[in-house]
Amino acid sequence: MILLVAAAASIMLGFILMGAGHGWVTSFYFSFFPLILTPVVGFGFTNNKKLVLLFIIVAYFFVSYVFYFKTLEEGKEYFERVLNGITGWVILFLSIWFVPLMISIYGLIKKPNILKSVQESR
């Protein structure tokens, strides 16, 4: 559920940061990425699939790289205008945008709950 809320918030904030086409438009295009990955993150996290979570982490780094260079291609002055005007919204957008990545990293490093699996077998 938290992933869906984060994905919806990412899209909404991306729309706000777009500023009717006069703001940081790249943020809106990339705001859909968390929504696309929500079912994959949920599957990997709940089923303790380390390979799926590792794939998500690699995908996030690749998309972040593309996101950065698309922002530069659009013109960093658009990003700077939005950042100077509504800094808190930009920080909130980027924080929310990385929620699936943080959940994937946590799922990759957490230890499986051995006691729970032992109790279920009895």
Protein backbone atom coordinates (compact mmCIF):
# COMPACT_ATOMS: atom_id res chain seq x y z
CA MET A 1 0.00 0.00 0.00
CA ILE A 2 2.84 2.40 0.83
CA LEU A 3 4.27 1.80 -2.64
CA LEU A 4 1.02 2.77 -4.34
CA VAL A 5 0.70 5.92 -2.22
CA ALA A 6 4.32 6.83 -3.03
CA ALA A 7 3.74 6.19 -6.74
CA ALA A 8 0.59 8.33 -6.79
CA ALA A 9 2.36 11.10 -4.86
CA SER A 10 5.28 10.93 -7.28
CA ILE A 11 2.98 11.45 -10.26
CA MET A 12 1.13 14.30 -8.54
CA LEU A 13 4.35 16.06 -7.54
CA GLY A 14 5.82 15.52 -11.01
CA PHE A 15 2.77 17.25 -12.43
CA ILE A 16 3.19 20.16 -10.00
CA LEU A 17 6.88 20.52 -10.81
CA MET A 18 6.11 20.50 -14.53
CA GLY A 19 4.46 23.88 -14.07
CA ALA A 20 2.24 23.84 -17.18
CA GLY A 21 5.27 23.14 -19.35
CA HIS A 22 7.30 26.07 -18.01
CA GLY A 23 8.93 24.19 -15.16
CA TRP A 24 10.89 20.96 -14.80
CA VAL A 25 9.03 18.85 -17.38
CA THR A 26 11.40 15.87 -17.10
CA SER A 27 10.15 15.25 -13.57
CA PHE A 28 6.67 14.47 -14.88
CA TYR A 29 7.89 11.94 -17.45
CA PHE A 30 9.95 10.09 -14.86
CA SER A 31 7.31 10.31 -12.12
CA PHE A 32 5.60 7.21 -13.54
CA PHE A 33 8.63 4.97 -12.89
CA PRO A 34 7.69 4.16 -9.26
CA LEU A 35 4.18 3.20 -10.39
CA ILE A 36 5.59 0.85 -13.02
CA LEU A 37 7.87 -0.83 -10.48
CA THR A 38 5.34 -1.06 -7.63
CA PRO A 39 4.13 -4.62 -8.40
CA VAL A 40 7.69 -5.83 -8.99
CA VAL A 41 8.96 -4.34 -5.72
CA GLY A 42 5.99 -5.77 -3.84
CA PHE A 43 6.59 -9.24 -5.29
CA GLY A 44 10.33 -9.17 -4.61
CA PHE A 45 9.94 -7.83 -1.08
CA THR A 46 7.13 -10.08 0.12
CA ASN A 47 8.55 -13.25 -1.41
CA ASN A 48 12.16 -12.48 -0.41
CA LYS A 49 13.36 -12.67 -4.04
CA LYS A 50 16.85 -11.20 -3.86
CA LEU A 51 17.45 -11.34 -7.62
CA VAL A 52 14.28 -9.34 -8.32
CA LEU A 53 15.27 -6.74 -5.74
CA LEU A 54 18.77 -6.54 -7.18
CA PHE A 55 17.26 -6.00 -10.64
CA ILE A 56 15.17 -3.11 -9.27
CA ILE A 57 18.23 -1.50 -7.69
CA VAL A 58 20.18 -1.72 -10.95
CA ALA A 59 17.16 -0.40 -12.89
CA TYR A 60 16.85 2.53 -10.51
CA PHE A 61 20.49 3.49 -10.92
CA PHE A 62 20.16 3.28 -14.71
CA VAL A 63 16.93 5.32 -14.78
CA SER A 64 18.41 7.86 -12.34
CA TYR A 65 21.34 8.26 -14.73
CA VAL A 66 18.96 8.82 -17.66
CA PHE A 67 16.81 11.14 -15.51
CA TYR A 68 19.85 13.28 -14.70
CA PHE A 69 20.97 13.60 -18.31
CA LYS A 70 17.43 14.24 -19.58
CA THR A 71 17.22 17.08 -17.05
CA LEU A 72 20.47 18.51 -18.42
CA GLU A 73 19.20 18.05 -21.98
CA GLU A 74 16.01 19.92 -21.12
CA GLY A 75 18.10 22.72 -19.71
CA LYS A 76 19.28 22.99 -16.15
CA GLU A 77 17.82 26.49 -15.92
CA TYR A 78 14.32 24.94 -15.79
CA PHE A 79 15.34 22.74 -12.89
CA GLU A 80 17.08 25.63 -11.15
CA ARG A 81 14.01 27.85 -11.56
CA VAL A 82 11.80 25.22 -9.93
CA LEU A 83 14.39 24.44 -7.26
CA ASN A 84 14.75 28.11 -6.32
CA GLY A 85 10.99 28.62 -6.30
CA ILE A 86 9.69 25.53 -4.52
CA THR A 87 12.67 23.75 -3.02
CA GLY A 88 10.58 21.73 -0.56
CA TRP A 89 8.45 20.23 -3.33
CA VAL A 90 11.54 19.18 -5.29
CA ILE A 91 13.06 17.52 -2.22
CA LEU A 92 9.74 15.82 -1.45
CA PHE A 93 9.43 14.59 -5.05
CA LEU A 94 12.93 13.12 -5.10
CA SER A 95 12.44 11.55 -1.67
CA ILE A 96 9.19 9.91 -2.72
CA TRP A 97 10.60 8.93 -6.11
CA PHE A 98 13.26 6.85 -4.37
CA VAL A 99 10.87 4.98 -2.00
CA PRO A 100 10.79 1.78 -4.13
CA LEU A 101 14.60 1.85 -4.29
CA MET A 102 14.89 2.18 -0.51
CA ILE A 103 12.41 -0.67 0.04
CA SER A 104 14.36 -2.82 -2.42
CA ILE A 105 17.65 -2.11 -0.66
CA TYR A 106 16.07 -2.89 2.70
CA GLY A 107 14.60 -6.12 1.31
CA LEU A 108 17.99 -7.11 -0.06
CA ILE A 109 19.89 -6.62 3.19
CA LYS A 110 17.25 -7.78 5.70
CA LYS A 111 17.52 -11.24 7.12
CA PRO A 112 14.63 -13.60 6.57
CA ASN A 113 12.45 -14.14 9.60
CA ILE A 114 13.59 -17.64 10.58
CA LEU A 115 11.41 -17.87 13.70
CA LYS A 116 8.30 -17.16 11.69
CA SER A 117 9.09 -19.92 9.20
CA VAL A 118 9.84 -22.40 12.04
CA GLN A 119 6.53 -21.60 13.76
CA GLU A 120 4.59 -22.06 10.51
CA SER A 121 6.10 -25.51 9.97
CA ARG A 122 4.78 -26.79 13.32
